[in-house]
N, C-alpha and C. Protein backbone atom coordinates (compact mmCIF):
# COMPACT_ATOMS: atom_id res chain seq x y z
N UNK A 1 -9.88 3.17 -12.46
CA UNK A 1 -10.61 3.20 -11.20
C UNK A 1 -12.06 2.80 -11.51
N UNK A 2 -12.56 1.79 -10.78
CA UNK A 2 -13.92 1.35 -11.03
C UNK A 2 -14.92 2.19 -10.22
N UNK A 3 -16.18 1.98 -10.49
CA UNK A 3 -17.25 2.80 -9.91
C UNK A 3 -17.29 2.72 -8.38
N UNK A 4 -17.19 1.53 -7.81
CA UNK A 4 -17.24 1.39 -6.35
C UNK A 4 -16.07 2.12 -5.69
N UNK A 5 -14.92 2.00 -6.27
CA UNK A 5 -13.74 2.64 -5.70
C UNK A 5 -13.90 4.16 -5.73
N UNK A 6 -14.43 4.68 -6.84
CA UNK A 6 -14.62 6.12 -6.98
C UNK A 6 -15.70 6.63 -6.01
N UNK A 7 -16.82 5.94 -5.95
CA UNK A 7 -17.89 6.34 -5.03
C UNK A 7 -17.43 6.25 -3.58
N UNK A 8 -16.65 5.23 -3.28
CA UNK A 8 -16.13 5.08 -1.93
C UNK A 8 -15.23 6.23 -1.52
N UNK A 9 -14.38 6.65 -2.44
CA UNK A 9 -13.48 7.77 -2.14
C UNK A 9 -14.28 9.05 -1.93
N UNK A 10 -15.32 9.27 -2.72
CA UNK A 10 -16.16 10.45 -2.57
C UNK A 10 -16.84 10.44 -1.20
N UNK A 11 -17.40 9.30 -0.81
CA UNK A 11 -18.05 9.20 0.51
C UNK A 11 -17.06 9.40 1.64
N UNK A 12 -15.86 8.88 1.44
CA UNK A 12 -14.81 9.04 2.46
C UNK A 12 -14.48 10.52 2.67
N UNK A 13 -14.35 11.26 1.58
CA UNK A 13 -14.03 12.68 1.67
C UNK A 13 -15.20 13.46 2.29
N UNK A 14 -16.42 13.15 1.85
CA UNK A 14 -17.60 13.83 2.42
C UNK A 14 -17.71 13.57 3.92
N UNK A 15 -17.45 12.35 4.32
CA UNK A 15 -17.50 12.00 5.73
C UNK A 15 -16.44 12.73 6.54
N UNK A 16 -15.26 12.84 5.97
CA UNK A 16 -14.17 13.54 6.64
C UNK A 16 -14.52 15.02 6.83
N UNK A 17 -15.10 15.63 5.81
CA UNK A 17 -15.52 17.03 5.91
C UNK A 17 -16.59 17.20 6.99
N UNK A 18 -17.55 16.29 6.98
CA UNK A 18 -18.64 16.35 7.97
C UNK A 18 -18.09 16.17 9.39
N UNK A 19 -17.15 15.25 9.53
CA UNK A 19 -16.53 14.99 10.84
C UNK A 19 -15.79 16.23 11.34
N UNK A 20 -15.03 16.86 10.47
CA UNK A 20 -14.28 18.06 10.85
C UNK A 20 -15.21 19.23 11.16
N UNK A 21 -16.29 19.36 10.39
CA UNK A 21 -17.26 20.43 10.65
C UNK A 21 -17.90 20.23 12.02
N UNK A 22 -18.22 18.98 12.34
CA UNK A 22 -18.79 18.67 13.65
C UNK A 22 -17.82 19.00 14.77
N UNK A 23 -16.55 18.76 14.55
CA UNK A 23 -15.54 19.09 15.55
C UNK A 23 -15.39 20.59 15.73
N UNK A 24 -15.44 21.32 14.59
CA UNK A 24 -15.29 22.77 14.66
C UNK A 24 -16.48 23.43 15.34
N UNK A 25 -17.67 22.83 15.16
CA UNK A 25 -18.89 23.37 15.76
C UNK A 25 -19.18 22.78 17.13
N UNK A 26 -18.29 21.93 17.61
CA UNK A 26 -18.48 21.23 18.87
C UNK A 26 -19.81 20.48 18.89
N UNK A 27 -20.03 19.72 17.79
CA UNK A 27 -21.25 18.96 17.61
C UNK A 27 -20.88 17.47 17.51
N UNK A 28 -20.91 16.74 18.64
CA UNK A 28 -20.47 15.34 18.61
C UNK A 28 -21.34 14.44 17.73
N UNK A 29 -22.63 14.76 17.59
CA UNK A 29 -23.51 13.94 16.74
C UNK A 29 -23.06 14.05 15.28
N UNK A 30 -22.82 15.26 14.82
CA UNK A 30 -22.37 15.46 13.44
C UNK A 30 -21.00 14.82 13.22
N UNK A 31 -20.15 14.92 14.22
CA UNK A 31 -18.82 14.31 14.15
C UNK A 31 -18.94 12.79 13.99
N UNK A 32 -19.83 12.20 14.77
CA UNK A 32 -20.03 10.75 14.70
C UNK A 32 -20.61 10.34 13.35
N UNK A 33 -21.57 11.11 12.85
CA UNK A 33 -22.16 10.81 11.54
C UNK A 33 -21.10 10.89 10.44
N UNK A 34 -20.23 11.88 10.54
CA UNK A 34 -19.14 12.01 9.57
C UNK A 34 -18.19 10.83 9.64
N UNK A 35 -17.89 10.38 10.86
CA UNK A 35 -16.99 9.23 11.02
C UNK A 35 -17.61 7.99 10.38
N UNK A 36 -18.91 7.77 10.61
CA UNK A 36 -19.59 6.61 10.03
C UNK A 36 -19.57 6.69 8.51
N UNK A 37 -19.86 7.87 7.97
CA UNK A 37 -19.86 8.04 6.51
C UNK A 37 -18.47 7.80 5.93
N UNK A 38 -17.46 8.26 6.64
CA UNK A 38 -16.08 8.05 6.20
C UNK A 38 -15.75 6.56 6.18
N UNK A 39 -16.16 5.82 7.20
CA UNK A 39 -15.88 4.38 7.27
C UNK A 39 -16.63 3.63 6.17
N UNK A 40 -17.87 4.03 5.89
CA UNK A 40 -18.62 3.40 4.80
C UNK A 40 -17.89 3.61 3.47
N UNK A 41 -17.36 4.82 3.28
CA UNK A 41 -16.60 5.09 2.06
C UNK A 41 -15.37 4.23 1.94
N UNK A 42 -14.67 4.03 3.06
CA UNK A 42 -13.48 3.17 3.04
C UNK A 42 -13.85 1.74 2.69
N UNK A 43 -14.97 1.27 3.21
CA UNK A 43 -15.42 -0.10 2.91
C UNK A 43 -15.77 -0.22 1.44
N UNK A 44 -16.52 0.75 0.92
CA UNK A 44 -16.91 0.71 -0.48
C UNK A 44 -15.68 0.77 -1.39
N UNK A 45 -14.71 1.59 -1.01
CA UNK A 45 -13.47 1.68 -1.79
C UNK A 45 -12.75 0.34 -1.76
N UNK A 46 -12.75 -0.33 -0.62
CA UNK A 46 -12.13 -1.64 -0.50
C UNK A 46 -12.82 -2.68 -1.38
N UNK A 47 -14.14 -2.59 -1.46
CA UNK A 47 -14.89 -3.50 -2.34
C UNK A 47 -14.46 -3.30 -3.78
N UNK A 48 -14.31 -2.04 -4.16
CA UNK A 48 -13.85 -1.74 -5.52
C UNK A 48 -12.48 -2.29 -5.81
N UNK A 49 -11.59 -2.21 -4.82
CA UNK A 49 -10.24 -2.76 -5.00
C UNK A 49 -10.28 -4.28 -5.13
N UNK A 50 -11.14 -4.93 -4.34
CA UNK A 50 -11.26 -6.39 -4.43
C UNK A 50 -11.82 -6.80 -5.79
N UNK A 51 -12.80 -6.05 -6.30
CA UNK A 51 -13.35 -6.35 -7.62
C UNK A 51 -12.28 -6.24 -8.70
N UNK A 52 -11.44 -5.22 -8.57
CA UNK A 52 -10.36 -5.03 -9.54
C UNK A 52 -9.41 -6.21 -9.50
N UNK A 53 -9.02 -6.63 -8.30
CA UNK A 53 -8.10 -7.77 -8.17
C UNK A 53 -8.74 -9.05 -8.68
N UNK A 54 -10.03 -9.21 -8.43
CA UNK A 54 -10.74 -10.38 -8.91
C UNK A 54 -10.77 -10.41 -10.44
N UNK A 55 -11.04 -9.27 -11.05
CA UNK A 55 -11.05 -9.19 -12.51
C UNK A 55 -9.68 -9.50 -13.09
N UNK A 56 -8.64 -8.99 -12.44
CA UNK A 56 -7.28 -9.26 -12.90
C UNK A 56 -6.94 -10.74 -12.80
N UNK A 57 -7.37 -11.37 -11.72
CA UNK A 57 -7.09 -12.79 -11.53
C UNK A 57 -7.83 -13.65 -12.56
N UNK A 58 -9.04 -13.24 -12.92
CA UNK A 58 -9.81 -14.00 -13.91
C UNK A 58 -9.18 -13.92 -15.29
N UNK A 59 -8.53 -12.81 -15.59
CA UNK A 59 -7.93 -12.64 -16.91
C UNK A 59 -6.63 -13.41 -17.08
N UNK A 60 -6.01 -13.78 -15.98
CA UNK A 60 -4.73 -14.50 -16.06
C UNK A 60 -4.94 -15.92 -16.55
N UNK A 61 -4.00 -16.36 -17.33
CA UNK A 61 -4.03 -17.75 -17.81
C UNK A 61 -3.59 -18.66 -16.67
N UNK A 62 -4.22 -19.80 -16.49
CA UNK A 62 -3.75 -20.73 -15.46
C UNK A 62 -2.40 -21.31 -15.83
N UNK A 63 -1.56 -21.45 -14.83
CA UNK A 63 -0.22 -22.00 -15.08
C UNK A 63 -0.31 -23.50 -15.30
N UNK A 64 0.42 -23.98 -16.29
CA UNK A 64 0.42 -25.42 -16.56
C UNK A 64 1.70 -26.02 -15.98
N UNK A 65 1.58 -27.25 -15.49
CA UNK A 65 2.74 -27.94 -14.92
C UNK A 65 3.55 -28.66 -15.98
């Protein structure tokens, strides 16, 4: 797991907790902030996955005809 993927997952979890806390406290602003943080984490995690795939593709030998 690369750094972006790990940081993204952490942000996703923190956002989810914040979103749920906002819902439990009936605080729509906190709920919205948590949702945004969760989405940012998902994006960062996706970037990490793309970097991993890119690194894997670079390591492959090109196929010869």
